[in-house]
N, C-alpha and C. Protein backbone atom coordinates (compact mmCIF):
# COMPACT_ATOMS: atom_id res chain seq x y z
N MET A 1 23.02 -6.41 -35.49
CA MET A 1 22.65 -5.76 -34.25
C MET A 1 23.57 -6.28 -33.17
N LYS A 2 24.17 -5.34 -32.44
CA LYS A 2 25.08 -5.70 -31.37
C LYS A 2 24.56 -5.13 -30.04
N ILE A 3 24.49 -5.97 -29.02
CA ILE A 3 23.97 -5.55 -27.73
C ILE A 3 25.14 -5.14 -26.84
N ASP A 4 25.01 -3.97 -26.23
CA ASP A 4 26.02 -3.51 -25.25
C ASP A 4 25.61 -4.05 -23.89
N TRP A 5 26.23 -5.19 -23.54
CA TRP A 5 25.84 -5.91 -22.32
C TRP A 5 26.18 -5.10 -21.08
N ALA A 6 27.28 -4.34 -21.11
CA ALA A 6 27.65 -3.56 -19.96
C ALA A 6 26.61 -2.47 -19.66
N ALA A 7 26.14 -1.81 -20.71
CA ALA A 7 25.08 -0.78 -20.53
C ALA A 7 23.79 -1.44 -20.07
N LEU A 8 23.44 -2.58 -20.61
CA LEU A 8 22.25 -3.27 -20.18
C LEU A 8 22.30 -3.67 -18.73
N GLY A 9 23.46 -4.20 -18.31
CA GLY A 9 23.64 -4.55 -16.90
C GLY A 9 23.62 -3.36 -15.99
N SER A 10 24.15 -2.21 -16.46
CA SER A 10 24.13 -1.01 -15.68
C SER A 10 22.69 -0.50 -15.46
N VAL A 11 21.91 -0.51 -16.54
CA VAL A 11 20.51 -0.08 -16.43
C VAL A 11 19.74 -1.02 -15.52
N PHE A 12 20.00 -2.31 -15.61
CA PHE A 12 19.30 -3.28 -14.74
C PHE A 12 19.67 -3.01 -13.28
N GLY A 13 20.96 -2.80 -13.01
CA GLY A 13 21.38 -2.57 -11.61
C GLY A 13 20.79 -1.30 -11.02
N VAL A 14 20.82 -0.24 -11.76
CA VAL A 14 20.27 1.03 -11.28
C VAL A 14 18.76 0.91 -11.07
N SER A 15 18.07 0.24 -11.98
CA SER A 15 16.63 0.07 -11.85
C SER A 15 16.30 -0.78 -10.60
N LEU A 16 17.05 -1.82 -10.36
CA LEU A 16 16.84 -2.68 -9.20
C LEU A 16 17.04 -1.90 -7.92
N VAL A 17 18.14 -1.14 -7.83
CA VAL A 17 18.43 -0.36 -6.63
C VAL A 17 17.36 0.69 -6.40
N ALA A 18 16.94 1.38 -7.45
CA ALA A 18 15.91 2.44 -7.31
C ALA A 18 14.59 1.84 -6.88
N THR A 19 14.22 0.68 -7.42
CA THR A 19 12.97 0.05 -7.06
C THR A 19 12.97 -0.39 -5.58
N VAL A 20 14.06 -1.01 -5.15
CA VAL A 20 14.16 -1.44 -3.76
C VAL A 20 14.14 -0.23 -2.83
N ALA A 21 14.82 0.86 -3.20
CA ALA A 21 14.81 2.06 -2.38
C ALA A 21 13.44 2.66 -2.25
N LEU A 22 12.72 2.76 -3.36
CA LEU A 22 11.39 3.36 -3.31
C LEU A 22 10.41 2.50 -2.52
N VAL A 23 10.47 1.21 -2.69
CA VAL A 23 9.59 0.31 -1.93
C VAL A 23 9.94 0.42 -0.45
N GLY A 24 11.22 0.47 -0.13
CA GLY A 24 11.64 0.62 1.26
C GLY A 24 11.16 1.91 1.89
N LEU A 25 11.30 3.01 1.15
CA LEU A 25 10.83 4.29 1.67
C LEU A 25 9.31 4.29 1.90
N PHE A 26 8.58 3.75 0.95
CA PHE A 26 7.13 3.68 1.09
C PHE A 26 6.72 2.83 2.28
N THR A 27 7.43 1.71 2.47
CA THR A 27 7.18 0.83 3.60
C THR A 27 7.45 1.53 4.93
N LEU A 28 8.55 2.29 4.98
CA LEU A 28 8.83 3.05 6.20
C LEU A 28 7.73 4.10 6.48
N GLY A 29 7.20 4.67 5.42
CA GLY A 29 6.10 5.64 5.58
C GLY A 29 4.86 4.98 6.15
N VAL A 30 4.51 3.80 5.63
CA VAL A 30 3.35 3.09 6.13
C VAL A 30 3.56 2.66 7.58
N ILE A 31 4.76 2.20 7.92
CA ILE A 31 5.07 1.81 9.29
C ILE A 31 4.99 3.02 10.21
N GLY A 32 5.48 4.16 9.74
CA GLY A 32 5.41 5.37 10.56
C GLY A 32 3.97 5.78 10.84
N LEU A 33 3.10 5.66 9.84
CA LEU A 33 1.71 6.00 10.07
C LEU A 33 1.02 5.03 11.01
N SER A 34 1.38 3.75 10.93
CA SER A 34 0.77 2.78 11.83
C SER A 34 1.26 3.00 13.26
N LYS A 35 2.52 3.37 13.44
CA LYS A 35 3.02 3.66 14.79
C LYS A 35 2.39 4.93 15.31
N GLN A 36 2.08 5.86 14.45
CA GLN A 36 1.43 7.10 14.87
C GLN A 36 0.05 6.78 15.38
N GLU A 37 -0.67 5.89 14.75
CA GLU A 37 -2.01 5.52 15.22
C GLU A 37 -1.93 4.77 16.55
N ARG A 38 -0.92 3.92 16.70
CA ARG A 38 -0.77 3.20 17.95
C ARG A 38 -0.44 4.15 19.10
N ALA A 39 0.46 5.12 18.82
CA ALA A 39 0.86 6.08 19.86
C ALA A 39 -0.31 6.94 20.26
N ALA A 40 -1.13 7.33 19.29
CA ALA A 40 -2.31 8.13 19.60
C ALA A 40 -3.33 7.34 20.43
N ALA A 41 -3.45 6.04 20.15
CA ALA A 41 -4.39 5.21 20.91
C ALA A 41 -3.93 5.00 22.33
N GLN A 42 -2.60 5.02 22.57
CA GLN A 42 -2.08 4.82 23.92
C GLN A 42 -1.93 6.13 24.68
N GLY A 43 -2.30 7.24 24.04
CA GLY A 43 -2.23 8.53 24.69
C GLY A 43 -0.88 9.21 24.58
N GLY A 44 -0.01 8.73 23.76
CA GLY A 44 1.33 9.33 23.59
C GLY A 44 1.34 10.35 22.45
N SER A 45 2.50 10.98 22.28
CA SER A 45 2.66 11.94 21.21
C SER A 45 3.10 11.21 19.95
N ALA A 46 2.50 11.51 18.84
CA ALA A 46 2.77 10.79 17.61
C ALA A 46 3.34 11.73 16.53
N ALA A 47 3.80 12.91 16.90
CA ALA A 47 4.24 13.87 15.91
C ALA A 47 5.49 13.40 15.17
N LEU A 48 6.41 12.76 15.87
CA LEU A 48 7.65 12.31 15.24
C LEU A 48 7.38 11.21 14.23
N ALA A 49 6.51 10.29 14.57
CA ALA A 49 6.19 9.19 13.64
C ALA A 49 5.46 9.74 12.41
N ARG A 50 4.55 10.68 12.61
CA ARG A 50 3.83 11.26 11.49
C ARG A 50 4.76 12.07 10.60
N THR A 51 5.68 12.83 11.19
CA THR A 51 6.62 13.62 10.40
C THR A 51 7.55 12.75 9.59
N GLY A 52 8.04 11.67 10.22
CA GLY A 52 8.89 10.74 9.48
C GLY A 52 8.15 10.06 8.34
N ALA A 53 6.91 9.70 8.55
CA ALA A 53 6.12 9.05 7.51
C ALA A 53 5.89 10.01 6.36
N TYR A 54 5.55 11.25 6.67
CA TYR A 54 5.33 12.23 5.61
C TYR A 54 6.64 12.53 4.85
N ALA A 55 7.76 12.51 5.56
CA ALA A 55 9.05 12.72 4.88
C ALA A 55 9.34 11.56 3.91
N CYS A 56 9.06 10.33 4.32
CA CYS A 56 9.26 9.18 3.45
C CYS A 56 8.37 9.26 2.21
N PHE A 57 7.09 9.63 2.42
CA PHE A 57 6.19 9.76 1.28
C PHE A 57 6.63 10.89 0.37
N GLY A 58 7.12 11.98 0.94
CA GLY A 58 7.62 13.09 0.15
C GLY A 58 8.82 12.71 -0.71
N LEU A 59 9.75 11.92 -0.13
CA LEU A 59 10.90 11.44 -0.89
C LEU A 59 10.46 10.50 -2.01
N CYS A 60 9.47 9.68 -1.76
CA CYS A 60 8.94 8.80 -2.83
C CYS A 60 8.34 9.66 -3.95
N LEU A 61 7.58 10.64 -3.60
CA LEU A 61 6.99 11.52 -4.61
C LEU A 61 8.08 12.26 -5.40
N ALA A 62 9.11 12.73 -4.72
CA ALA A 62 10.21 13.41 -5.42
C ALA A 62 10.93 12.47 -6.37
N ALA A 63 11.15 11.25 -5.98
CA ALA A 63 11.84 10.28 -6.85
C ALA A 63 11.02 9.93 -8.07
N VAL A 64 9.71 9.76 -7.87
CA VAL A 64 8.83 9.47 -9.01
C VAL A 64 8.74 10.65 -9.94
N THR A 65 8.63 11.83 -9.40
CA THR A 65 8.59 13.06 -10.21
C THR A 65 9.86 13.23 -11.03
N TYR A 66 11.00 12.97 -10.38
CA TYR A 66 12.28 13.09 -11.09
C TYR A 66 12.37 12.03 -12.19
N GLY A 67 11.88 10.84 -11.97
CA GLY A 67 11.90 9.83 -13.01
C GLY A 67 11.06 10.20 -14.19
N ILE A 68 9.85 10.75 -13.91
CA ILE A 68 8.99 11.23 -15.01
C ILE A 68 9.68 12.38 -15.77
N TYR A 69 10.35 13.27 -15.03
CA TYR A 69 11.08 14.35 -15.66
C TYR A 69 12.15 13.82 -16.61
N LEU A 70 12.89 12.78 -16.17
CA LEU A 70 13.93 12.22 -17.00
C LEU A 70 13.36 11.59 -18.27
N ILE A 71 12.20 10.98 -18.16
CA ILE A 71 11.57 10.36 -19.32
C ILE A 71 11.08 11.40 -20.30
N VAL A 72 10.46 12.47 -19.80
CA VAL A 72 9.84 13.46 -20.68
C VAL A 72 10.88 14.39 -21.33
N VAL A 73 11.86 14.80 -20.54
CA VAL A 73 12.85 15.77 -21.08
C VAL A 73 14.03 15.11 -21.68
């Protein structure tokens, strides 16, 4: 049995980057929702924060769906 170390390293690198990107997007979504609540409490408009948060959550959902698609197909 021979291990292709270059392919293993490539898979590790892509997995690490994808994980950090998804966690970062989800974090931005949570921050956007918390800023939206703060802006609403102070009487300001929170539409931009809410829209950005929903966009981040949508991108997370799209990435997870694409990953499941790659596994199944």
